[in-house]
Every structure is written in structure tokens, then in C-alpha cells.
C-alpha atoms as a PDB file:
ATOM      1  CA  MET A   1      -5.241  52.441  -1.950  1.00  0.00           C
ATOM      2  CA  TYR A   2      -1.999  54.137  -2.734  1.00  0.00           C
ATOM      3  CA  ARG A   3      -1.160  51.427  -5.290  1.00  0.00           C
ATOM      4  CA  ASN A   4      -4.461  51.913  -7.139  1.00  0.00           C
ATOM      5  CA  GLU A   5      -3.915  55.689  -7.421  1.00  0.00           C
ATOM      6  CA  GLN A   6      -0.452  55.092  -8.794  1.00  0.00           C
ATOM      7  CA  GLU A   7      -1.815  52.687 -11.442  1.00  0.00           C
ATOM      8  CA  ASP A   8      -4.425  55.240 -12.438  1.00  0.00           C
ATOM      9  CA  GLU A   9      -1.768  57.916 -12.994  1.00  0.00           C
ATOM     10  CA  ILE A  10       0.320  55.560 -15.121  1.00  0.00           C
ATOM     11  CA  GLU A  11      -2.709  54.617 -17.202  1.00  0.00           C
ATOM     12  CA  GLN A  12      -3.592  58.342 -17.718  1.00  0.00           C
ATOM     13  CA  PHE A  13       0.006  59.081 -18.782  1.00  0.00           C
ATOM     14  CA  PHE A  14      -0.084  56.507 -21.560  1.00  0.00           C
ATOM     15  CA  ARG A  15      -3.442  57.753 -22.768  1.00  0.00           C
ATOM     16  CA  GLU A  16      -2.088  61.285 -23.088  1.00  0.00           C
ATOM     17  CA  LYS A  17       0.861  59.963 -25.091  1.00  0.00           C
ATOM     18  CA  GLU A  18      -1.467  58.235 -27.494  1.00  0.00           C
ATOM     19  CA  GLY A  19      -3.508  61.469 -27.938  1.00  0.00           C
ATOM     20  CA  GLY A  20      -6.645  60.215 -26.432  1.00  0.00           C
ATOM     21  CA  LEU A  21      -7.004  62.950 -23.834  1.00  0.00           C
ATOM     22  CA  PRO A  22      -5.824  66.570 -23.826  1.00  0.00           C
ATOM     23  CA  LYS A  23      -3.255  67.452 -21.285  1.00  0.00           C
ATOM     24  CA  GLU A  24      -4.762  69.145 -18.298  1.00  0.00           C
ATOM     25  CA  GLU A  25      -2.664  71.816 -16.685  1.00  0.00           C
ATOM     26  CA  PRO A  26      -3.271  72.916 -13.134  1.00  0.00           C
ATOM     27  CA  LYS A  27      -5.112  76.216 -12.755  1.00  0.00           C
ATOM     28  CA  PRO A  28      -4.093  78.643 -10.042  1.00  0.00           C
ATOM     29  CA  GLN A  29      -6.656  79.249  -7.365  1.00  0.00           C
ATOM     30  CA  GLY A  30      -8.432  82.658  -7.213  1.00  0.00           C
ATOM     31  CA  VAL A  31      -7.291  83.897 -10.672  1.00  0.00           C
ATOM     32  CA  VAL A  32      -9.771  84.315 -13.509  1.00  0.00           C
ATOM     33  CA  VAL A  33      -8.250  83.083 -16.774  1.00  0.00           C
ATOM     34  CA  PRO A  34      -9.673  84.738 -19.894  1.00  0.00           C
ATOM     35  CA  ASP A  35     -11.452  82.608 -22.387  1.00  0.00           C
ATOM     36  CA  GLN A  36      -9.111  81.288 -25.084  1.00  0.00           C
ATOM     37  CA  ALA A  37     -11.740  81.903 -27.794  1.00  0.00           C
ATOM     38  CA  VAL A  38     -11.337  85.641 -27.310  1.00  0.00           C
ATOM     39  CA  PRO A  39      -7.660  86.524 -27.588  1.00  0.00           C
ATOM     40  CA  PHE A  40      -6.418  88.949 -25.008  1.00  0.00           C
ATOM     41  CA  HIS A  41      -4.229  91.893 -26.018  1.00  0.00           C
ATOM     42  CA  PRO A  42      -3.609  95.328 -24.600  1.00  0.00           C
ATOM     43  CA  ARG A  43      -5.721  97.103 -27.284  1.00  0.00           C
ATOM     44  CA  SER A  44      -8.831  95.648 -25.644  1.00  0.00           C
ATOM     45  CA  PHE A  45      -8.429  98.224 -22.881  1.00  0.00           C
ATOM     46  CA  GLU A  46      -9.043 101.002 -25.445  1.00  0.00           C
ATOM     47  CA  ASP A  47     -12.464  99.572 -26.189  1.00  0.00           C
ATOM     48  CA  GLY A  48     -13.477  99.997 -22.590  1.00  0.00           C
ATOM     49  CA  PRO A  49     -14.182 102.994 -20.375  1.00  0.00           C
ATOM     50  CA  GLN A  50     -10.716 104.422 -21.037  1.00  0.00           C
ATOM     51  CA  GLN A  51     -11.926 105.536 -24.479  1.00  0.00           C
ATOM     52  CA  GLN A  52     -14.260 108.051 -22.843  1.00  0.00           C
ATOM     53  CA  ILE A  53     -11.328 110.033 -21.435  1.00  0.00           C
ATOM     54  CA  MET A  54     -11.082 113.044 -23.701  1.00  0.00           C
ATOM     55  CA  PRO A  55      -7.791 114.829 -24.379  1.00  0.00           C
ATOM     56  CA  GLU A  56      -7.219 118.199 -22.746  1.00  0.00           C
ATOM     57  CA  ARG A  57      -9.180 120.893 -24.464  1.00  0.00           C
ATOM     58  CA  ASN A  58      -7.670 124.197 -25.560  1.00  0.00           C
ATOM     59  CA  LEU A  59      -8.699 126.786 -23.019  1.00  0.00           C
ATOM     60  CA  GLY A  60     -10.003 129.072 -25.822  1.00  0.00           C
ATOM     61  CA  TYR A  61      -7.040 131.430 -26.048  1.00  0.00           C
ATOM     62  CA  SER A  62      -6.742 131.031 -29.812  1.00  0.00           C
ATOM     63  CA  ASP A  63     -10.480 131.554 -30.378  1.00  0.00           C
ATOM     64  CA  SER A  64     -10.505 134.594 -28.103  1.00  0.00           C
ATOM     65  CA  SER A  65      -7.434 136.026 -29.810  1.00  0.00           C
ATOM     66  CA  GLN A  66      -8.933 135.484 -33.255  1.00  0.00           C
ATOM     67  CA  ARG A  67     -12.190 137.079 -32.157  1.00  0.00           C
ATOM     68  CA  ARG A  68     -10.304 140.032 -30.697  1.00  0.00           C
ATOM     69  CA  ASP A  69      -8.272 140.439 -33.902  1.00  0.00           C
ATOM     70  CA  TYR A  70     -11.465 140.314 -35.937  1.00  0.00           C
ATOM     71  CA  TYR A  71     -13.145 143.024 -33.866  1.00  0.00           C
ATOM     72  CA  GLU A  72      -9.960 145.103 -33.992  1.00  0.00           C
ATOM     73  CA  GLN A  73      -9.946 144.824 -37.779  1.00  0.00           C
ATOM     74  CA  LEU A  74     -13.601 145.879 -37.940  1.00  0.00           C
ATOM     75  CA  ARG A  75     -12.866 148.846 -35.694  1.00  0.00           C
ATOM     76  CA  GLU A  76      -9.923 149.944 -37.842  1.00  0.00           C
ATOM     77  CA  GLU A  77     -11.988 149.643 -41.019  1.00  0.00           C
ATOM     78  CA  ALA A  78     -14.780 151.698 -39.447  1.00  0.00           C
ATOM     79  CA  GLU A  79     -12.266 154.368 -38.407  1.00  0.00           C
ATOM     80  CA  HIS A  80     -10.842 154.459 -41.950  1.00  0.00           C
ATOM     81  CA  ILE A  81     -14.304 154.891 -43.440  1.00  0.00           C
ATOM     82  CA  GLU A  82     -15.193 157.618 -40.948  1.00  0.00           C
ATOM     83  CA  ARG A  83     -11.912 159.437 -41.518  1.00  0.00           C
ATOM     84  CA  GLU A  84     -12.405 159.188 -45.276  1.00  0.00           C
ATOM     85  CA  ASN A  85     -15.871 160.729 -45.032  1.00  0.00           C
ATOM     86  CA  ASN A  86     -14.597 163.456 -42.718  1.00  0.00           C
ATOM     87  CA  CYS A  87     -11.753 164.331 -45.076  1.00  0.00           C
ATOM     88  CA  ARG A  88     -14.132 164.492 -48.012  1.00  0.00           C
ATOM     89  CA  GLU A  89     -16.402 166.863 -46.067  1.00  0.00           C
ATOM     90  CA  TYR A  90     -13.476 169.015 -44.928  1.00  0.00           C
ATOM     91  CA  SER A  91     -12.119 169.226 -48.471  1.00  0.00           C
ATOM     92  CA  LYS A  92     -15.447 170.458 -49.822  1.00  0.00           C
ATOM     93  CA  ARG A  93     -15.999 173.002 -47.037  1.00  0.00           C
ATOM     94  CA  TYR A  94     -12.470 174.383 -47.189  1.00  0.00           C
ATOM     95  CA  MET A  95     -12.818 174.898 -50.934  1.00  0.00           C
ATOM     96  CA  GLN A  96     -16.125 176.709 -50.401  1.00  0.00           C
ATOM     97  CA  MET A  97     -14.512 178.999 -47.831  1.00  0.00           C
ATOM     98  CA  PHE A  98     -11.630 179.656 -50.228  1.00  0.00           C
ATOM     99  CA  ILE A  99     -14.030 180.782 -52.975  1.00  0.00           C
ATOM    100  CA  ILE A 100     -16.030 182.947 -50.555  1.00  0.00           C
ATOM    101  CA  LEU A 101     -12.884 184.658 -49.279  1.00  0.00           C
ATOM    102  CA  ILE A 102     -11.745 185.377 -52.841  1.00  0.00           C
ATOM    103  CA  ALA A 103     -15.096 187.050 -53.561  1.00  0.00           C
ATOM    104  CA  ASN A 104     -14.927 188.929 -50.262  1.00  0.00           C
ATOM    105  CA  VAL A 105     -11.435 190.221 -51.070  1.00  0.00           C
ATOM    106  CA  PHE A 106     -12.793 191.566 -54.350  1.00  0.00           C
ATOM    107  CA  PHE A 107     -15.617 193.403 -52.567  1.00  0.00           C
ATOM    108  CA  ASN A 108     -13.278 194.681 -49.865  1.00  0.00           C
ATOM    109  CA  ILE A 109     -10.684 196.065 -52.259  1.00  0.00           C
ATOM    110  CA  ILE A 110     -13.250 197.985 -54.338  1.00  0.00           C
ATOM    111  CA  GLY A 111     -15.053 199.209 -51.227  1.00  0.00           C
ATOM    112  CA  LEU A 112     -11.806 200.348 -49.613  1.00  0.00           C
ATOM    113  CA  ILE A 113     -10.802 202.294 -52.715  1.00  0.00           C
ATOM    114  CA  LEU A 114     -14.172 204.007 -52.902  1.00  0.00           C
ATOM    115  CA  SER A 115     -14.170 204.844 -49.192  1.00  0.00           C
ATOM    116  CA  ARG A 116     -10.673 206.344 -49.359  1.00  0.00           C
ATOM    117  CA  ILE A 117     -11.533 208.467 -52.361  1.00  0.00           C
ATOM    118  CA  GLY A 118     -14.840 209.509 -50.831  1.00  0.00           C
ATOM    119  CA  ALA A 119     -13.143 210.543 -47.597  1.00  0.00           C
ATOM    120  CA  ASN A 120     -11.574 213.532 -49.422  1.00  0.00           C
ATOM    121  CA  ASP A 121     -14.358 214.184 -51.915  1.00  0.00           C
ATOM    122  CA  ALA A 122     -17.868 214.623 -50.575  1.00  0.00           C
ATOM    123  CA  GLN A 123     -19.435 214.787 -54.034  1.00  0.00           C
ATOM    124  CA  PHE A 124     -17.769 211.516 -55.075  1.00  0.00           C
ATOM    125  CA  ARG A 125     -19.023 209.901 -51.878  1.00  0.00           C
ATOM    126  CA  LYS A 126     -22.571 210.970 -52.694  1.00  0.00           C
ATOM    127  CA  ASP A 127     -22.341 209.770 -56.287  1.00  0.00           C
ATOM    128  CA  THR A 128     -21.014 206.373 -55.314  1.00  0.00           C
ATOM    129  CA  PHE A 129     -23.109 205.958 -52.187  1.00  0.00           C
ATOM    130  CA  VAL A 130     -25.515 203.439 -53.754  1.00  0.00           C
ATOM    131  CA  PHE A 131     -22.672 201.424 -55.243  1.00  0.00           C
ATOM    132  CA  THR A 132     -20.918 201.467 -51.882  1.00  0.00           C
ATOM    133  CA  ILE A 133     -24.074 200.105 -50.247  1.00  0.00           C
ATOM    134  CA  VAL A 134     -24.226 197.297 -52.826  1.00  0.00           C
ATOM    135  CA  LEU A 135     -20.616 196.412 -52.170  1.00  0.00           C
ATOM    136  CA  ALA A 136     -21.250 196.444 -48.439  1.00  0.00           C
ATOM    137  CA  ILE A 137     -24.234 194.120 -48.830  1.00  0.00           C
ATOM    138  CA  GLY A 138     -22.184 191.783 -51.014  1.00  0.00           C
ATOM    139  CA  SER A 139     -19.419 191.749 -48.430  1.00  0.00           C
ATOM    140  CA  VAL A 140     -21.895 190.998 -45.636  1.00  0.00           C
ATOM    141  CA  MET A 141     -23.343 188.144 -47.698  1.00  0.00           C
ATOM    142  CA  CYS A 142     -19.849 186.712 -48.117  1.00  0.00           C
ATOM    143  CA  TYR A 143     -19.292 186.938 -44.390  1.00  0.00           C
ATOM    144  CA  ALA A 144     -22.664 185.296 -43.739  1.00  0.00           C
ATOM    145  CA  LEU A 145     -21.948 182.436 -46.163  1.00  0.00           C
ATOM    146  CA  PHE A 146     -18.511 181.928 -44.669  1.00  0.00           C
ATOM    147  CA  GLY A 147     -19.986 181.844 -41.177  1.00  0.00           C
ATOM    148  CA  LEU A 148     -22.647 179.367 -42.335  1.00  0.00           C
ATOM    149  CA  VAL A 149     -19.990 177.013 -43.673  1.00  0.00           C
ATOM    150  CA  LEU A 150     -18.141 177.232 -40.362  1.00  0.00           C
ATOM    151  CA  VAL A 151     -21.335 176.400 -38.479  1.00  0.00           C
ATOM    152  CA  MET A 152     -21.836 173.372 -40.751  1.00  0.00           C
ATOM    153  CA  LEU A 153     -18.400 172.151 -39.686  1.00  0.00           C
ATOM    154  CA  SER A 154     -19.257 172.451 -35.997  1.00  0.00           C
ATOM    155  CA  HIS A 155     -20.253 168.751 -35.779  1.00  0.00           C
ATOM    156  CA  PHE A 156     -16.552 167.974 -36.217  1.00  0.00           C
ATOM    157  CA  ASN A 157     -15.284 170.591 -33.780  1.00  0.00           C
ATOM    158  CA  MET A 158     -17.359 172.990 -31.697  1.00  0.00           C
ATOM    159  CA  ASP A 159     -14.781 175.780 -32.144  1.00  0.00           C
ATOM    160  CA  PHE A 160     -16.072 176.264 -35.696  1.00  0.00           C
ATOM    161  CA  ARG A 161     -19.423 177.575 -34.417  1.00  0.00           C
ATOM    162  CA  PRO A 162     -18.115 180.586 -32.411  1.00  0.00           C
ATOM    163  CA  ALA A 163     -15.579 181.192 -35.167  1.00  0.00           C
ATOM    164  CA  GLY A 164     -18.448 181.598 -37.640  1.00  0.00           C
ATOM    165  CA  MET A 165     -20.304 183.940 -35.310  1.00  0.00           C
ATOM    166  CA  PHE A 166     -17.237 186.129 -34.741  1.00  0.00           C
ATOM    167  CA  PHE A 167     -16.528 186.214 -38.477  1.00  0.00           C
ATOM    168  CA  VAL A 168     -20.056 187.412 -39.261  1.00  0.00           C
ATOM    169  CA  LEU A 169     -19.892 190.095 -36.554  1.00  0.00           C
ATOM    170  CA  SER A 170     -16.535 191.235 -37.910  1.00  0.00           C
ATOM    171  CA  GLY A 171     -18.000 191.529 -41.393  1.00  0.00           C
ATOM    172  CA  ILE A 172     -20.984 193.523 -40.165  1.00  0.00           C
ATOM    173  CA  CYS A 173     -18.710 195.948 -38.343  1.00  0.00           C
ATOM    174  CA  GLN A 174     -16.528 196.343 -41.410  1.00  0.00           C
ATOM    175  CA  ALA A 175     -19.518 196.998 -43.669  1.00  0.00           C
ATOM    176  CA  VAL A 176     -20.958 199.589 -41.277  1.00  0.00           C
ATOM    177  CA  ALA A 177     -17.571 201.310 -40.965  1.00  0.00           C
ATOM    178  CA  ARG A 178     -17.478 201.774 -44.748  1.00  0.00           C
ATOM    179  CA  VAL A 179     -20.849 203.442 -44.901  1.00  0.00           C
ATOM    180  CA  ILE A 180     -20.600 205.878 -41.999  1.00  0.00           C
ATOM    181  CA  PRO A 181     -18.200 208.849 -42.210  1.00  0.00           C
ATOM    182  CA  GLY A 182     -14.943 208.911 -40.310  1.00  0.00           C
ATOM    183  CA  ASN A 183     -15.761 210.027 -36.785  1.00  0.00           C
ATOM    184  CA  THR A 184     -15.729 208.705 -33.226  1.00  0.00           C
ATOM    185  CA  LEU A 185     -18.345 206.022 -34.022  1.00  0.00           C
ATOM    186  CA  TYR A 186     -16.248 204.873 -36.942  1.00  0.00           C
ATOM    187  CA  PHE A 187     -13.258 204.475 -34.611  1.00  0.00           C
ATOM    188  CA  PHE A 188     -15.126 202.308 -32.107  1.00  0.00           C
ATOM    189  CA  ILE A 189     -16.665 200.176 -34.841  1.00  0.00           C
ATOM    190  CA  THR A 190     -13.223 199.608 -36.312  1.00  0.00           C
ATOM    191  CA  ILE A 191     -11.923 198.526 -32.914  1.00  0.00           C
ATOM    192  CA  ALA A 192     -14.859 196.141 -32.517  1.00  0.00           C
ATOM    193  CA  GLN A 193     -14.220 194.729 -35.981  1.00  0.00           C
ATOM    194  CA  SER A 194     -10.576 194.055 -35.095  1.00  0.00           C
ATOM    195  CA  VAL A 195     -11.536 192.332 -31.838  1.00  0.00           C
ATOM    196  CA  PHE A 196     -14.050 190.071 -33.597  1.00  0.00           C
ATOM    197  CA  ALA A 197     -11.479 189.294 -36.302  1.00  0.00           C
ATOM    198  CA  VAL A 198      -8.905 188.220 -33.725  1.00  0.00           C
ATOM    199  CA  LEU A 199     -11.447 186.044 -31.885  1.00  0.00           C
ATOM    200  CA  TYR A 200     -12.466 184.457 -35.184  1.00  0.00           C
ATOM    201  CA  VAL A 201      -8.895 183.585 -36.096  1.00  0.00           C
ATOM    202  CA  LEU A 202      -8.146 182.141 -32.666  1.00  0.00           C
ATOM    203  CA  LYS A 203     -11.158 179.801 -32.840  1.00  0.00           C
ATOM    204  CA  PHE A 204     -11.000 178.948 -36.518  1.00  0.00           C
ATOM    205  CA  ALA A 205      -7.258 178.309 -36.717  1.00  0.00           C
ATOM    206  CA  SER A 206      -7.442 176.103 -33.637  1.00  0.00           C
ATOM    207  CA  ALA A 207     -10.279 174.027 -35.116  1.00  0.00           C
ATOM    208  CA  ALA A 208      -8.576 173.810 -38.521  1.00  0.00           C
ATOM    209  CA  SER A 209      -5.365 172.694 -36.843  1.00  0.00           C
ATOM    210  CA  SER A 210      -7.144 169.902 -34.963  1.00  0.00           C
ATOM    211  CA  SER A 211      -8.794 168.692 -38.186  1.00  0.00           C
ATOM    212  CA  PHE A 212      -5.350 167.600 -39.437  1.00  0.00           C
ATOM    213  CA  ASP A 213      -4.278 165.749 -36.283  1.00  0.00           C
ATOM    214  CA  LYS A 214      -4.622 162.279 -37.889  1.00  0.00           C
ATOM    215  CA  VAL A 215      -4.223 163.395 -41.481  1.00  0.00           C
ATOM    216  CA  ALA A 216      -1.213 165.687 -41.941  1.00  0.00           C
ATOM    217  CA  LEU A 217       0.668 166.982 -38.924  1.00  0.00           C
ATOM    218  CA  TYR A 218       2.561 169.564 -40.953  1.00  0.00           C
ATOM    219  CA  MET A 219      -0.742 171.224 -41.906  1.00  0.00           C
ATOM    220  CA  SER A 220      -1.779 171.197 -38.276  1.00  0.00           C
ATOM    221  CA  SER A 221       1.466 172.992 -37.420  1.00  0.00           C
ATOM    222  CA  ALA A 222       0.916 175.477 -40.274  1.00  0.00           C
ATOM    223  CA  TRP A 223      -2.499 176.495 -38.941  1.00  0.00           C
ATOM    224  CA  GLU A 224      -1.114 176.768 -35.422  1.00  0.00           C
ATOM    225  CA  THR A 225       1.712 178.999 -36.660  1.00  0.00           C
ATOM    226  CA  PHE A 226      -0.784 181.163 -38.551  1.00  0.00           C
ATOM    227  CA  ARG A 227      -2.862 181.570 -35.387  1.00  0.00           C
ATOM    228  CA  LYS A 228       0.129 182.677 -33.332  1.00  0.00           C
ATOM    229  CA  VAL A 229       1.429 185.140 -35.930  1.00  0.00           C
ATOM    230  CA  TYR A 230      -2.043 186.606 -36.428  1.00  0.00           C
ATOM    231  CA  MET A 231      -2.440 187.106 -32.694  1.00  0.00           C
ATOM    232  CA  TYR A 232       0.977 188.771 -32.377  1.00  0.00           C
ATOM    233  CA  VAL A 233       0.280 191.124 -35.290  1.00  0.00           C
ATOM    234  CA  TYR A 234      -3.046 192.283 -33.900  1.00  0.00           C
ATOM    235  CA  ILE A 235      -1.610 192.721 -30.423  1.00  0.00           C
ATOM    236  CA  ALA A 236       1.097 194.881 -31.960  1.00  0.00           C
ATOM    237  CA  THR A 237      -1.552 196.785 -33.937  1.00  0.00           C
ATOM    238  CA  ALA A 238      -3.583 197.474 -30.800  1.00  0.00           C
ATOM    239  CA  ALA A 239      -0.489 198.614 -28.919  1.00  0.00           C
ATOM    240  CA  ALA A 240       0.591 200.881 -31.792  1.00  0.00           C
ATOM    241  CA  THR A 241      -2.904 202.380 -31.987  1.00  0.00           C
ATOM    242  CA  ILE A 242      -2.814 203.271 -28.311  1.00  0.00           C
ATOM    243  CA  LEU A 243       0.703 204.715 -28.558  1.00  0.00           C
ATOM    244  CA  THR A 244      -0.320 207.041 -31.400  1.00  0.00           C
ATOM    245  CA  PHE A 245      -2.119 209.221 -28.845  1.00  0.00           C
ATOM    246  CA  MET A 246       1.154 209.807 -26.990  1.00  0.00           C
ATOM    247  CA  PRO A 247       3.173 212.838 -28.086  1.00  0.00           C
ATOM    248  CA  VAL A 248       6.529 211.082 -28.223  1.00  0.00           C
ATOM    249  CA  PHE A 249       5.492 207.937 -30.084  1.00  0.00           C
ATOM    250  CA  GLY A 250       2.741 209.426 -32.249  1.00  0.00           C
ATOM    251  CA  LEU A 251       4.626 209.852 -35.531  1.00  0.00           C
ATOM    252  CA  ILE A 252       6.593 206.633 -35.128  1.00  0.00           C
ATOM    253  CA  MET A 253       3.476 204.584 -34.425  1.00  0.00           C
ATOM    254  CA  ILE A 254       1.782 205.940 -37.556  1.00  0.00           C
ATOM    255  CA  TYR A 255       4.502 204.380 -39.683  1.00  0.00           C
ATOM    256  CA  ALA A 256       4.328 201.249 -37.543  1.00  0.00           C
ATOM    257  CA  LEU A 257       0.583 200.991 -38.171  1.00  0.00           C
ATOM    258  CA  LEU A 258       1.173 201.390 -41.898  1.00  0.00           C
ATOM    259  CA  ALA A 259       3.684 198.529 -41.833  1.00  0.00           C
ATOM    260  CA  LEU A 260       1.332 196.391 -39.750  1.00  0.00           C
ATOM    261  CA  ALA A 261      -1.453 197.061 -42.259  1.00  0.00           C
ATOM    262  CA  PHE A 262       0.660 195.487 -45.001  1.00  0.00           C
ATOM    263  CA  VAL A 263       1.433 192.584 -42.672  1.00  0.00           C
ATOM    264  CA  ALA A 264      -2.309 192.133 -42.060  1.00  0.00           C
ATOM    265  CA  ILE A 265      -2.864 191.968 -45.833  1.00  0.00           C
ATOM    266  CA  GLY A 266      -0.166 189.311 -46.001  1.00  0.00           C
ATOM    267  CA  LEU A 267      -1.957 187.369 -43.263  1.00  0.00           C
ATOM    268  CA  GLU A 268      -5.205 187.446 -45.225  1.00  0.00           C
ATOM    269  CA  ILE A 269      -3.398 186.075 -48.279  1.00  0.00           C
ATOM    270  CA  TRP A 270      -1.759 183.434 -46.085  1.00  0.00           C
ATOM    271  CA  GLN A 271      -5.159 182.373 -44.763  1.00  0.00           C
ATOM    272  CA  ILE A 272      -6.575 182.043 -48.270  1.00  0.00           C
ATOM    273  CA  LEU A 273      -3.626 179.927 -49.382  1.00  0.00           C
ATOM    274  CA  LEU A 274      -3.928 177.752 -46.274  1.00  0.00           C
ATOM    275  CA  LEU A 275      -7.586 177.112 -47.055  1.00  0.00           C
ATOM    276  CA  LEU A 276      -6.772 176.121 -50.621  1.00  0.00           C
ATOM    277  CA  ARG A 277      -3.953 173.850 -49.508  1.00  0.00           C
ATOM    278  CA  SER A 278      -6.103 172.348 -46.766  1.00  0.00           C
ATOM    279  CA  SER A 279      -8.776 171.420 -49.298  1.00  0.00           C
ATOM    280  CA  VAL A 280      -6.193 169.811 -51.579  1.00  0.00           C
ATOM    281  CA  ILE A 281      -4.513 167.872 -48.764  1.00  0.00           C
ATOM    282  CA  MET A 282      -7.839 166.552 -47.489  1.00  0.00           C
ATOM    283  CA  LYS A 283      -8.784 165.402 -50.975  1.00  0.00           C
ATOM    284  CA  GLN A 284      -5.418 163.710 -51.459  1.00  0.00           C
ATOM    285  CA  TYR A 285      -5.731 161.904 -48.143  1.00  0.00           C
ATOM    286  CA  THR A 286      -9.161 160.617 -49.203  1.00  0.00           C
ATOM    287  CA  SER A 287      -7.606 159.201 -52.369  1.00  0.00           C
ATOM    288  CA  VAL A 288      -4.880 157.510 -50.357  1.00  0.00           C
ATOM    289  CA  VAL A 289      -7.433 155.888 -48.057  1.00  0.00           C
ATOM    290  CA  VAL A 290      -9.426 154.626 -51.055  1.00  0.00           C
ATOM    291  CA  ALA A 291      -6.247 153.175 -52.579  1.00  0.00           C
ATOM    292  CA  LYS A 292      -5.451 151.333 -49.335  1.00  0.00           C
ATOM    293  CA  GLY A 293      -8.978 149.985 -49.138  1.00  0.00           C
ATOM    294  CA  ASN A 294      -8.734 148.595 -52.663  1.00  0.00           C
END
């Protein structure tokens, strides 16, 4: 049997040499050999389940940051538009108050001259009584218009509302003091007018100062300085008025009151100039904001 198997192997060897049969190679047991018709290469793994593995996603930081920047830009643009509208409104109202104060100064100067002349001349006071009443009414109307403008600004700052009320009350007291003769009632009305004037300045200057917080800090400081100086002057005026009733300081305080009266006139001029400058600065700031937006 062994001899026959050996002859079969020899015969198979010669057949393979002649090309009659393909050479058979032994196959390892338990290993699956891929089909030769489909070539095997590593890229074939990418066509399988491994292709479903997605790369790591961005955790959304860039999208969130872009969204936050976008909302921040919208907020800044809205603030610019609001500030522009506010400045335009302030500029218009400050100019209106400037014009009203100029007209009021005109009425006050003429009324003061007539009252001083009439204090020493009863006949002159009777002759000009009707004209004095007209001037007083005109002055009260100026005070009322000024107070109305302040009330219209109260949606920006609530201090404008009481400032307008105090200004109107001060004007009423001043108009009544011009009409009545100089007596005890005149003295108390004058004191009341001074108190209302001080309260008006404290409220109005504070509100005007805050209106420039994000616009022009130097104007905010100017209104604050005006408020402090005005308060000091009227405190000094009140103290000098009280000291005039003392025997020692009476004559000295009369001259002090005269000097303080000129200082008070200077304060009124300062207020008018501050209103004019405030209107101009607000208008300029509006132009700057428009230029930036373009």
C-alpha cells in the first residue's frame, strides 16, 4: 500500500510540472481565507460599521459665543438709539427753558424797576398798577411754562417734577410780592419765595447733572458746582437777613445782603448760560452718535 501511494505522488508531481493541474497548497485548519476574487485591503474596514463613528462634535462654545456677541451688539445699538433720542429731547427742552428764562428776566427787570420807583412814589404806583399787574401775569406765565417743561422731563428723572412745582411756587410768591406793598406780609412772602427757589435749584441742578452722566461728565460737574454755590449763597443770604436784626451786625449785614444780591444775579445768569450750553452739548452728542451709526 505504501508503494502505491508513493507512485501516486510521483505521478501527480509530473502532472503539475506539465501544467495539467494547479498546485494545491495546504490550508490551515480553523482560519477563513478571503475569496481571491475580492481583493482584501485595509480600506475595506472603512466601508463597514467603523464609518458610522462620527468625529467629536464641538460642544457649542463658538455658537454660544457668537450668539452672545450678537445679542450684546443688539443691546449696544438699542442703548445708542435710546441715548440719541434722549439727548435730542433734552436739547429741545433745555433750549425752551433758556428762552423762557430770558423772557422771565425781561419781565422781572421791568417789574423790579417799577416796584422800586413805586415804593417811594404812591402816585406812580397807582398810575402803573395795571402795567405792573400785566408784568406779574407775564412772569407767572413764564414760571408756569418753565415748570411745565420740567414736568415733561420727569420721565427721564423724577427730580424734574418737584423742581417744576417749586419753580412755579417761587414765581407765584415773587409776583404777589411785587403787587402788595412793603409790609410784614411782603417779608414773609419774600422768605417763602427764597425757600422755594432754593428747593427748585437743588432738585433741578441734581436732575440736570444726572442727565449728562453718560454724555459729558464735565457738564455734569458744572451743574453740580452750580447747585453747591447756589445753596451756599442762599444760606449766607438767610444768615445775613437774620443778623440784620441784631444791633451790632445790622449795618454790616445790610452791605453783605447788597453784595449777595449781586451774586444772586450772577447765579441767575450762570443758570441761563448753563441751559444754553446744555442744549448745545446735547445736540452735538446726538450728531456724534449719528456719525458713529453711519
